[in-house]
Amino acid sequence: MNVTVTFRHVDPTPALRQHAEDKLQRLKKYLHRPVDAHVILSVTKERHTAEVTLNADHESMFAKEVTHDLYSAIDLAVSKLEHQAQRVKEKREDHKGPGRGAGADAGGPASDPDAEAPAGRVVVSQRLAGKPIPVDEARGQLERSGDEFVAFINAATHSMAVLYRRKDGSYGLIES
């Protein structure tokens, strides 16, 4: 994160600069790409102002706080930016899906198949046996497993087939 701190009508102190940089590091968890931040700290009479402009993930965010203390002004401004960054991250996830935000991993197979998964996402995959089997043997597998369907290669036609249990107790066969 590239942080620039500008002081107006106040003596530049390393402590204020470090405080601003440390507080802005909290925003990294919401932003994936390199971030540029510009902090302007100013004092006018008893008004201590912190203005923070943040450019990241093709977004520009701004927060301004006025208090009686520069440290609290920095804290409050960064808190506002953190809220804005959370909204940007949520919007990105709603649009692109969980874990698919800018710079995030595309994700692989789900580690917990019982976990609640968003619609359209593959959570469990199985490989079919390579040898063809007769329809009767597939029906036996279906009865033993208790599953709703079984996919197999039909020995009679050598094509992909799905045998499924119908609501009336009979079986249906789909072949490609």
Protein backbone atom coordinates (compact mmCIF):
# COMPACT_ATOMS: atom_id res chain seq x y z
CA MET A 1 0.00 0.00 0.00
CA ASN A 2 1.40 3.36 -1.04
CA VAL A 3 0.46 5.97 1.59
CA THR A 4 1.16 9.69 1.19
CA VAL A 5 0.60 11.92 4.21
CA THR A 6 0.30 15.70 3.79
CA PHE A 7 0.37 18.05 6.77
CA ARG A 8 -1.36 21.45 6.60
CA HIS A 9 -0.88 24.00 9.36
CA VAL A 10 0.52 21.32 11.66
CA ASP A 11 4.04 20.14 12.40
CA PRO A 12 4.76 16.85 10.60
CA THR A 13 5.50 14.19 13.20
CA PRO A 14 6.59 10.64 12.51
CA ALA A 15 4.07 9.41 15.09
CA LEU A 16 1.10 10.89 13.19
CA ARG A 17 2.41 9.56 9.89
CA GLN A 18 2.92 6.07 11.37
CA HIS A 19 -0.53 6.11 13.00
CA ALA A 20 -2.19 6.94 9.65
CA GLU A 21 -0.21 4.22 7.82
CA ASP A 22 -0.97 1.60 10.47
CA LYS A 23 -4.69 2.36 10.46
CA LEU A 24 -4.85 2.18 6.66
CA GLN A 25 -3.30 -1.30 6.74
CA ARG A 26 -6.64 -2.57 8.13
CA LEU A 27 -8.19 -1.95 4.71
CA LYS A 28 -5.92 -4.45 2.94
CA LYS A 29 -8.23 -7.36 3.82
CA TYR A 30 -10.98 -5.81 1.69
CA LEU A 31 -8.85 -4.68 -1.24
CA HIS A 32 -6.80 -7.05 -3.40
CA ARG A 33 -4.92 -4.84 -5.80
CA PRO A 34 -2.21 -2.30 -5.02
CA VAL A 35 -3.69 0.62 -3.16
CA ASP A 36 -2.80 4.31 -3.26
CA ALA A 37 -3.88 6.38 -0.26
CA HIS A 38 -3.52 10.11 0.27
CA VAL A 39 -4.03 11.42 3.79
CA ILE A 40 -4.33 15.17 4.45
CA LEU A 41 -4.05 16.21 8.09
CA SER A 42 -4.85 19.83 8.93
CA VAL A 43 -5.49 21.99 11.95
CA THR A 44 -7.54 25.18 11.95
CA LYS A 45 -8.05 26.70 15.41
CA GLU A 46 -9.52 23.75 17.32
CA ARG A 47 -10.73 21.83 14.27
CA HIS A 48 -8.47 18.85 13.56
CA THR A 49 -9.32 17.42 10.16
CA ALA A 50 -8.32 14.16 8.52
CA GLU A 51 -9.15 13.65 4.84
CA VAL A 52 -8.37 10.30 3.28
CA THR A 53 -8.63 9.47 -0.42
CA LEU A 54 -8.18 5.84 -1.40
CA ASN A 55 -7.82 4.46 -4.93
CA ALA A 56 -8.05 0.68 -5.25
CA ASP A 57 -9.74 -2.04 -7.32
CA HIS A 58 -10.94 0.55 -9.85
CA GLU A 59 -12.74 2.30 -7.01
CA SER A 60 -12.13 5.68 -5.45
CA MET A 61 -13.19 6.24 -1.84
CA PHE A 62 -13.09 9.37 0.28
CA ALA A 63 -13.66 10.09 3.96
CA LYS A 64 -13.33 13.29 5.99
CA GLU A 65 -13.57 13.68 9.75
CA VAL A 66 -13.29 16.73 11.99
CA THR A 67 -12.64 16.33 15.74
CA HIS A 68 -10.60 17.91 18.53
CA ASP A 69 -7.76 15.38 18.09
CA LEU A 70 -5.89 14.32 14.93
CA TYR A 71 -5.52 10.71 16.08
CA SER A 72 -9.27 10.29 16.58
CA ALA A 73 -9.95 12.07 13.27
CA ILE A 74 -7.69 9.55 11.51
CA ASP A 75 -9.42 6.65 13.30
CA LEU A 76 -12.90 7.84 12.37
CA ALA A 77 -11.99 8.55 8.74
CA VAL A 78 -10.40 5.12 8.33
CA SER A 79 -13.48 3.57 9.96
CA LYS A 80 -15.65 5.24 7.29
CA LEU A 81 -13.34 3.95 4.56
CA GLU A 82 -13.45 0.47 6.03
CA HIS A 83 -17.24 0.52 5.81
CA GLN A 84 -17.05 1.70 2.18
CA ALA A 85 -14.50 -1.01 1.35
CA GLN A 86 -16.78 -3.66 2.91
CA ARG A 87 -19.65 -2.51 0.70
CA VAL A 88 -17.43 -2.62 -2.39
CA LYS A 89 -16.28 -6.15 -1.51
CA GLU A 90 -19.88 -7.33 -0.92
CA LYS A 91 -21.00 -5.80 -4.20
CA ARG A 92 -18.12 -7.51 -6.01
CA GLU A 93 -18.99 -10.89 -4.43
CA ASP A 94 -22.68 -10.49 -5.25
CA HIS A 95 -21.77 -9.76 -8.85
CA LYS A 96 -18.96 -12.29 -9.33
CA GLY A 97 -19.74 -14.87 -6.67
CA PRO A 98 -17.97 -15.73 -3.40
CA GLY A 99 -14.21 -15.88 -3.63
CA ARG A 100 -14.27 -14.53 -7.19
CA GLY A 101 -13.47 -10.92 -6.48
CA ALA A 102 -10.65 -9.13 -8.21
CA GLY A 103 -7.38 -10.83 -7.37
CA ALA A 104 -8.99 -13.68 -5.47
CA ASP A 105 -8.38 -17.30 -6.32
CA ALA A 106 -10.85 -18.87 -8.70
CA GLY A 107 -11.32 -21.62 -6.14
CA GLY A 108 -11.24 -25.31 -6.68
CA PRO A 109 -13.44 -28.15 -5.58
CA ALA A 110 -15.32 -27.55 -2.38
CA SER A 111 -13.59 -28.92 0.68
CA ASP A 112 -16.82 -29.67 2.56
CA PRO A 113 -19.57 -31.17 0.38
CA ASP A 114 -22.16 -30.75 3.16
CA ALA A 115 -21.54 -26.99 3.39
CA GLU A 116 -24.19 -24.68 2.02
CA ALA A 117 -23.22 -23.89 -1.57
CA PRO A 118 -24.59 -21.19 -3.85
CA ALA A 119 -26.87 -22.30 -6.66
CA GLY A 120 -25.08 -23.57 -9.75
CA ARG A 121 -21.82 -24.53 -8.04
CA VAL A 122 -20.54 -28.12 -8.26
CA VAL A 123 -19.98 -29.43 -4.73
CA VAL A 124 -19.57 -33.16 -5.28
CA SER A 125 -18.15 -35.05 -8.25
CA GLN A 126 -17.78 -38.74 -8.92
CA ARG A 127 -16.06 -40.73 -11.64
CA LEU A 128 -17.87 -43.50 -13.46
CA ALA A 129 -16.56 -47.02 -13.72
CA GLY A 130 -15.01 -47.52 -17.16
CA LYS A 131 -16.48 -50.94 -17.84
CA PRO A 132 -19.97 -51.29 -19.35
CA ILE A 133 -22.62 -52.94 -17.16
CA PRO A 134 -26.09 -54.30 -17.95
CA VAL A 135 -29.20 -52.36 -16.94
CA ASP A 136 -30.16 -55.05 -14.38
CA GLU A 137 -26.83 -54.65 -12.58
CA ALA A 138 -27.26 -50.85 -12.56
CA ARG A 139 -30.73 -51.34 -11.05
CA GLY A 140 -29.19 -53.51 -8.33
CA GLN A 141 -26.61 -50.78 -7.59
CA LEU A 142 -29.38 -48.22 -7.39
CA GLU A 143 -31.38 -50.35 -4.93
CA ARG A 144 -28.32 -51.04 -2.73
CA SER A 145 -27.12 -47.42 -2.66
CA GLY A 146 -30.41 -45.71 -1.89
CA ASP A 147 -29.48 -42.90 -4.33
CA GLU A 148 -32.06 -41.34 -6.62
CA PHE A 149 -30.16 -42.25 -9.79
CA VAL A 150 -27.08 -44.03 -11.10
CA ALA A 151 -25.07 -43.11 -14.20
CA PHE A 152 -23.35 -45.93 -16.10
CA ILE A 153 -22.26 -47.19 -19.52
CA ASN A 154 -24.92 -49.54 -20.88
CA ALA A 155 -23.39 -52.89 -21.90
CA ALA A 156 -26.04 -53.46 -24.58
CA THR A 157 -25.64 -50.14 -26.40
CA HIS A 158 -22.17 -48.97 -25.20
CA SER A 159 -23.60 -45.49 -24.56
CA MET A 160 -23.88 -43.33 -21.49
CA ALA A 161 -27.07 -44.01 -19.51
CA VAL A 162 -28.80 -42.81 -16.36
CA LEU A 163 -31.16 -45.06 -14.43
CA TYR A 164 -33.42 -43.23 -11.98
CA ARG A 165 -36.08 -44.13 -9.44
CA ARG A 166 -39.52 -42.71 -10.27
CA LYS A 167 -42.02 -41.51 -7.67
CA ASP A 168 -44.34 -44.47 -8.35
CA GLY A 169 -41.52 -46.94 -7.48
CA SER A 170 -40.68 -47.93 -11.04
CA TYR A 171 -37.43 -47.03 -12.83
CA GLY A 172 -36.69 -44.70 -15.72
CA LEU A 173 -33.77 -45.02 -18.16
CA ILE A 174 -32.17 -42.14 -20.06
CA GLU A 175 -29.60 -42.96 -22.74
CA SER A 176 -27.46 -40.73 -24.90
